[in-house]
PDB file of N, CA and C in Angstrom:
ATOM      1  N   UNK A   1      -6.109  11.840  12.302  1.00  0.00           N
ATOM      2  CA  UNK A   1      -6.877  12.507  13.315  1.00  0.00           C
ATOM      3  C   UNK A   1      -6.523  11.997  14.708  1.00  0.00           C
ATOM      4  N   UNK A   2      -6.255  10.698  14.827  1.00  0.00           N
ATOM      5  CA  UNK A   2      -5.918  10.153  16.144  1.00  0.00           C
ATOM      6  C   UNK A   2      -4.415  10.014  16.331  1.00  0.00           C
ATOM      7  N   UNK A   3      -3.646  10.374  15.288  1.00  0.00           N
ATOM      8  CA  UNK A   3      -2.185  10.227  15.306  1.00  0.00           C
ATOM      9  C   UNK A   3      -1.761   8.792  15.626  1.00  0.00           C
ATOM     10  N   UNK A   4      -2.473   7.835  15.051  1.00  0.00           N
ATOM     11  CA  UNK A   4      -2.125   6.435  15.258  1.00  0.00           C
ATOM     12  C   UNK A   4      -2.975   5.753  16.301  1.00  0.00           C
ATOM     13  N   UNK A   5      -3.820   6.487  16.977  1.00  0.00           N
ATOM     14  CA  UNK A   5      -4.691   5.890  17.980  1.00  0.00           C
ATOM     15  C   UNK A   5      -3.912   5.437  19.200  1.00  0.00           C
ATOM     16  N   UNK A   6      -4.543   4.685  20.049  1.00  0.00           N
ATOM     17  CA  UNK A   6      -3.823   4.187  21.228  1.00  0.00           C
ATOM     18  C   UNK A   6      -2.782   3.155  20.816  1.00  0.00           C
ATOM     19  N   UNK A   7      -1.559   3.417  21.121  1.00  0.00           N
ATOM     20  CA  UNK A   7      -0.421   2.549  20.834  1.00  0.00           C
ATOM     21  C   UNK A   7      -0.343   2.219  19.343  1.00  0.00           C
ATOM     22  N   UNK A   8      -0.563   3.208  18.479  1.00  0.00           N
ATOM     23  CA  UNK A   8      -0.466   3.090  17.018  1.00  0.00           C
ATOM     24  C   UNK A   8      -1.389   2.020  16.441  1.00  0.00           C
ATOM     25  N   UNK A   9      -2.555   1.823  17.024  1.00  0.00           N
ATOM     26  CA  UNK A   9      -3.482   0.772  16.576  1.00  0.00           C
ATOM     27  C   UNK A   9      -4.172   1.121  15.269  1.00  0.00           C
ATOM     28  N   UNK A  10      -4.361   2.404  14.978  1.00  0.00           N
ATOM     29  CA  UNK A  10      -5.100   2.783  13.770  1.00  0.00           C
ATOM     30  C   UNK A  10      -4.197   3.379  12.693  1.00  0.00           C
ATOM     31  N   UNK A  11      -2.933   3.078  12.752  1.00  0.00           N
ATOM     32  CA  UNK A  11      -1.992   3.644  11.789  1.00  0.00           C
ATOM     33  C   UNK A  11      -1.938   2.791  10.526  1.00  0.00           C
ATOM     34  N   UNK A  12      -1.896   3.436   9.374  1.00  0.00           N
ATOM     35  CA  UNK A  12      -1.768   2.738   8.100  1.00  0.00           C
ATOM     36  C   UNK A  12      -0.322   2.826   7.632  1.00  0.00           C
ATOM     37  N   UNK A  13       0.000   2.070   6.587  1.00  0.00           N
ATOM     38  CA  UNK A  13       1.401   2.014   6.140  1.00  0.00           C
ATOM     39  C   UNK A  13       1.909   3.359   5.652  1.00  0.00           C
ATOM     40  N   UNK A  14       1.053   4.162   5.044  1.00  0.00           N
ATOM     41  CA  UNK A  14       1.500   5.446   4.506  1.00  0.00           C
ATOM     42  C   UNK A  14       1.911   6.400   5.628  1.00  0.00           C
ATOM     43  N   UNK A  15       1.143   6.461   6.697  1.00  0.00           N
ATOM     44  CA  UNK A  15       1.531   7.341   7.806  1.00  0.00           C
ATOM     45  C   UNK A  15       2.723   6.770   8.565  1.00  0.00           C
ATOM     46  N   UNK A  16       2.821   5.451   8.611  1.00  0.00           N
ATOM     47  CA  UNK A  16       3.984   4.807   9.225  1.00  0.00           C
ATOM     48  C   UNK A  16       5.252   5.176   8.460  1.00  0.00           C
ATOM     49  N   UNK A  17       5.169   5.111   7.136  1.00  0.00           N
ATOM     50  CA  UNK A  17       6.314   5.470   6.304  1.00  0.00           C
ATOM     51  C   UNK A  17       6.668   6.937   6.482  1.00  0.00           C
ATOM     52  N   UNK A  18       5.665   7.803   6.495  1.00  0.00           N
ATOM     53  CA  UNK A  18       5.889   9.236   6.645  1.00  0.00           C
ATOM     54  C   UNK A  18       6.572   9.538   7.981  1.00  0.00           C
ATOM     55  N   UNK A  19       6.096   8.907   9.046  1.00  0.00           N
ATOM     56  CA  UNK A  19       6.679   9.187  10.356  1.00  0.00           C
ATOM     57  C   UNK A  19       8.141   8.768  10.423  1.00  0.00           C
ATOM     58  N   UNK A  20       8.449   7.580   9.890  1.00  0.00           N
ATOM     59  CA  UNK A  20       9.840   7.136   9.946  1.00  0.00           C
ATOM     60  C   UNK A  20      10.735   7.962   9.029  1.00  0.00           C
ATOM     61  N   UNK A  21      10.239   8.303   7.852  1.00  0.00           N
ATOM     62  CA  UNK A  21      11.097   8.989   6.885  1.00  0.00           C
ATOM     63  C   UNK A  21      11.305  10.456   7.231  1.00  0.00           C
ATOM     64  N   UNK A  22      10.247  11.176   7.588  1.00  0.00           N
ATOM     65  CA  UNK A  22      10.355  12.624   7.704  1.00  0.00           C
ATOM     66  C   UNK A  22      10.312  13.143   9.132  1.00  0.00           C
ATOM     67  N   UNK A  23       9.711  12.409  10.054  1.00  0.00           N
ATOM     68  CA  UNK A  23       9.674  12.866  11.442  1.00  0.00           C
ATOM     69  C   UNK A  23      10.892  12.355  12.194  1.00  0.00           C
ATOM     70  N   UNK A  24      11.201  11.079  12.029  1.00  0.00           N
ATOM     71  CA  UNK A  24      12.354  10.483  12.713  1.00  0.00           C
ATOM     72  C   UNK A  24      13.642  10.574  11.893  1.00  0.00           C
ATOM     73  N   UNK A  25      13.565  11.048  10.660  1.00  0.00           N
ATOM     74  CA  UNK A  25      14.716  11.214   9.758  1.00  0.00           C
ATOM     75  C   UNK A  25      15.444   9.902   9.491  1.00  0.00           C
ATOM     76  N   UNK A  26      14.698   8.812   9.397  1.00  0.00           N
ATOM     77  CA  UNK A  26      15.267   7.526   9.002  1.00  0.00           C
ATOM     78  C   UNK A  26      14.824   7.263   7.568  1.00  0.00           C
ATOM     79  N   UNK A  27      15.509   7.927   6.647  1.00  0.00           N
ATOM     80  CA  UNK A  27      15.084   7.901   5.247  1.00  0.00           C
ATOM     81  C   UNK A  27      15.222   6.534   4.607  1.00  0.00           C
ATOM     82  N   UNK A  28      16.218   5.767   4.995  1.00  0.00           N
ATOM     83  CA  UNK A  28      16.397   4.434   4.426  1.00  0.00           C
ATOM     84  C   UNK A  28      15.257   3.505   4.793  1.00  0.00           C
ATOM     85  N   UNK A  29      14.846   3.529   6.060  1.00  0.00           N
ATOM     86  CA  UNK A  29      13.736   2.677   6.495  1.00  0.00           C
ATOM     87  C   UNK A  29      12.431   3.145   5.869  1.00  0.00           C
ATOM     88  N   UNK A  30      12.242   4.441   5.770  1.00  0.00           N
ATOM     89  CA  UNK A  30      11.049   4.967   5.113  1.00  0.00           C
ATOM     90  C   UNK A  30      10.989   4.564   3.647  1.00  0.00           C
ATOM     91  N   UNK A  31      12.144   4.560   2.982  1.00  0.00           N
ATOM     92  CA  UNK A  31      12.200   4.129   1.579  1.00  0.00           C
ATOM     93  C   UNK A  31      11.887   2.646   1.445  1.00  0.00           C
ATOM     94  N   UNK A  32      12.353   1.848   2.397  1.00  0.00           N
ATOM     95  CA  UNK A  32      12.062   0.420   2.364  1.00  0.00           C
ATOM     96  C   UNK A  32      10.562   0.161   2.540  1.00  0.00           C
ATOM     97  N   UNK A  33       9.923   0.905   3.427  1.00  0.00           N
ATOM     98  CA  UNK A  33       8.482   0.763   3.624  1.00  0.00           C
ATOM     99  C   UNK A  33       7.743   1.186   2.349  1.00  0.00           C
ATOM    100  N   UNK A  34       8.212   2.260   1.716  1.00  0.00           N
ATOM    101  CA  UNK A  34       7.595   2.707   0.466  1.00  0.00           C
ATOM    102  C   UNK A  34       7.737   1.646  -0.629  1.00  0.00           C
ATOM    103  N   UNK A  35       8.870   0.979  -0.680  1.00  0.00           N
ATOM    104  CA  UNK A  35       9.076  -0.080  -1.675  1.00  0.00           C
ATOM    105  C   UNK A  35       8.140  -1.261  -1.421  1.00  0.00           C
ATOM    106  N   UNK A  36       7.949  -1.618  -0.162  1.00  0.00           N
ATOM    107  CA  UNK A  36       7.017  -2.699   0.164  1.00  0.00           C
ATOM    108  C   UNK A  36       5.598  -2.300  -0.235  1.00  0.00           C
ATOM    109  N   UNK A  37       5.223  -1.047   0.013  1.00  0.00           N
ATOM    110  CA  UNK A  37       3.903  -0.570  -0.406  1.00  0.00           C
ATOM    111  C   UNK A  37       3.752  -0.648  -1.919  1.00  0.00           C
ATOM    112  N   UNK A  38       4.801  -0.287  -2.647  1.00  0.00           N
ATOM    113  CA  UNK A  38       4.768  -0.362  -4.102  1.00  0.00           C
ATOM    114  C   UNK A  38       4.577  -1.799  -4.576  1.00  0.00           C
ATOM    115  N   UNK A  39       5.280  -2.739  -3.970  1.00  0.00           N
ATOM    116  CA  UNK A  39       5.159  -4.137  -4.376  1.00  0.00           C
ATOM    117  C   UNK A  39       3.773  -4.696  -4.067  1.00  0.00           C
ATOM    118  N   UNK A  40       3.194  -4.308  -2.941  1.00  0.00           N
ATOM    119  CA  UNK A  40       1.840  -4.754  -2.602  1.00  0.00           C
ATOM    120  C   UNK A  40       0.840  -4.210  -3.621  1.00  0.00           C
ATOM    121  N   UNK A  41       0.952  -2.927  -3.943  1.00  0.00           N
ATOM    122  CA  UNK A  41       0.050  -2.329  -4.939  1.00  0.00           C
ATOM    123  C   UNK A  41       0.232  -2.965  -6.306  1.00  0.00           C
ATOM    124  N   UNK A  42       1.461  -3.243  -6.680  1.00  0.00           N
ATOM    125  CA  UNK A  42       1.733  -3.880  -7.966  1.00  0.00           C
ATOM    126  C   UNK A  42       1.128  -5.277  -8.032  1.00  0.00           C
ATOM    127  N   UNK A  43       1.254  -6.040  -6.945  1.00  0.00           N
ATOM    128  CA  UNK A  43       0.695  -7.392  -6.923  1.00  0.00           C
ATOM    129  C   UNK A  43      -0.827  -7.357  -7.052  1.00  0.00           C
ATOM    130  N   UNK A  44      -1.482  -6.449  -6.322  1.00  0.00           N
ATOM    131  CA  UNK A  44      -2.933  -6.344  -6.432  1.00  0.00           C
ATOM    132  C   UNK A  44      -3.351  -5.875  -7.821  1.00  0.00           C
ATOM    133  N   UNK A  45      -2.595  -4.956  -8.403  1.00  0.00           N
ATOM    134  CA  UNK A  45      -2.938  -4.447  -9.737  1.00  0.00           C
ATOM    135  C   UNK A  45      -2.815  -5.533 -10.798  1.00  0.00           C
ATOM    136  N   UNK A  46      -1.734  -6.285 -10.746  1.00  0.00           N
ATOM    137  CA  UNK A  46      -1.542  -7.357 -11.724  1.00  0.00           C
ATOM    138  C   UNK A  46      -2.619  -8.423 -11.556  1.00  0.00           C
ATOM    139  N   UNK A  47      -2.936  -8.769 -10.305  1.00  0.00           N
ATOM    140  CA  UNK A  47      -3.997  -9.746 -10.062  1.00  0.00           C
ATOM    141  C   UNK A  47      -5.338  -9.270 -10.579  1.00  0.00           C
ATOM    142  N   UNK A  48      -5.664  -8.010 -10.352  1.00  0.00           N
ATOM    143  CA  UNK A  48      -6.928  -7.472 -10.831  1.00  0.00           C
ATOM    144  C   UNK A  48      -6.983  -7.455 -12.356  1.00  0.00           C
ATOM    145  N   UNK A  49      -5.893  -7.043 -12.992  1.00  0.00           N
ATOM    146  CA  UNK A  49      -5.880  -7.001 -14.452  1.00  0.00           C
ATOM    147  C   UNK A  49      -6.009  -8.392 -15.055  1.00  0.00           C
ATOM    148  N   UNK A  50      -5.439  -9.388 -14.406  1.00  0.00           N
ATOM    149  CA  UNK A  50      -5.586 -10.759 -14.919  1.00  0.00           C
ATOM    150  C   UNK A  50      -7.018 -11.242 -14.782  1.00  0.00           C
ATOM    151  N   UNK A  51      -7.663 -10.907 -13.661  1.00  0.00           N
ATOM    152  CA  UNK A  51      -9.047 -11.333 -13.470  1.00  0.00           C
ATOM    153  C   UNK A  51      -9.995 -10.535 -14.368  1.00  0.00           C
ATOM    154  N   UNK A  52      -9.783  -9.247 -14.520  1.00  0.00           N
ATOM    155  CA  UNK A  52     -10.675  -8.402 -15.302  1.00  0.00           C
ATOM    156  C   UNK A  52     -10.417  -8.557 -16.802  1.00  0.00           C
ATOM    157  N   UNK A  53      -9.259  -9.014 -17.187  1.00  0.00           N
ATOM    158  CA  UNK A  53      -8.926  -9.103 -18.601  1.00  0.00           C
ATOM    159  C   UNK A  53      -9.377 -10.389 -19.273  1.00  0.00           C
ATOM    160  N   UNK A  54      -9.908 -11.329 -18.509  1.00  0.00           N
ATOM    161  CA  UNK A  54     -10.351 -12.586 -19.081  1.00  0.00           C
ATOM    162  C   UNK A  54     -11.637 -12.361 -19.875  1.00  0.00           C
ATOM    163  N   UNK A  55     -11.771 -13.022 -21.005  1.00  0.00           N
ATOM    164  CA  UNK A  55     -12.990 -12.827 -21.803  1.00  0.00           C
ATOM    165  C   UNK A  55     -14.209 -13.368 -21.084  1.00  0.00           C
ATOM    166  N   UNK A  56     -15.305 -12.667 -21.249  1.00  0.00           N
ATOM    167  CA  UNK A  56     -16.574 -13.065 -20.645  1.00  0.00           C
ATOM    168  C   UNK A  56     -17.420 -13.768 -21.702  1.00  0.00           C
ATOM    169  N   UNK A  57     -17.496 -15.087 -21.625  1.00  0.00           N
ATOM    170  CA  UNK A  57     -18.199 -15.857 -22.637  1.00  0.00           C
ATOM    171  C   UNK A  57     -19.715 -15.800 -22.467  1.00  0.00           C
ATOM    172  N   UNK A  58     -20.188 -15.461 -21.300  1.00  0.00           N
ATOM    173  CA  UNK A  58     -21.619 -15.412 -21.052  1.00  0.00           C
ATOM    174  C   UNK A  58     -22.196 -14.019 -21.306  1.00  0.00           C
ATOM    175  N   UNK A  59     -21.348 -12.995 -21.320  1.00  0.00           N
ATOM    176  CA  UNK A  59     -21.809 -11.625 -21.516  1.00  0.00           C
ATOM    177  C   UNK A  59     -22.050 -11.317 -22.984  1.00  0.00           C
ATOM    178  N   UNK A  60     -22.593 -10.153 -23.233  1.00  0.00           N
ATOM    179  CA  UNK A  60     -22.936  -9.760 -24.595  1.00  0.00           C
ATOM    180  C   UNK A  60     -21.764  -9.178 -25.357  1.00  0.00           C
ATOM    181  N   UNK A  61     -20.758  -8.685 -24.675  1.00  0.00           N
ATOM    182  CA  UNK A  61     -19.668  -8.012 -25.381  1.00  0.00           C
ATOM    183  C   UNK A  61     -18.408  -8.828 -25.324  1.00  0.00           C
TER     184      UNK A  61
END
């Protein structure tokens, strides 16, 4: 909605990747940003699964 806000202050990684890859036609840099996003998501997912997968000895199930 703000197109990045004043001096790109409110821009997230997904819109940053989109702008570089498809607006500026720098597909290699856009792909690199997408790979970094994938690694960040993978790290959070693995961390969450390790924390959520531990048995709960105090719970009923």
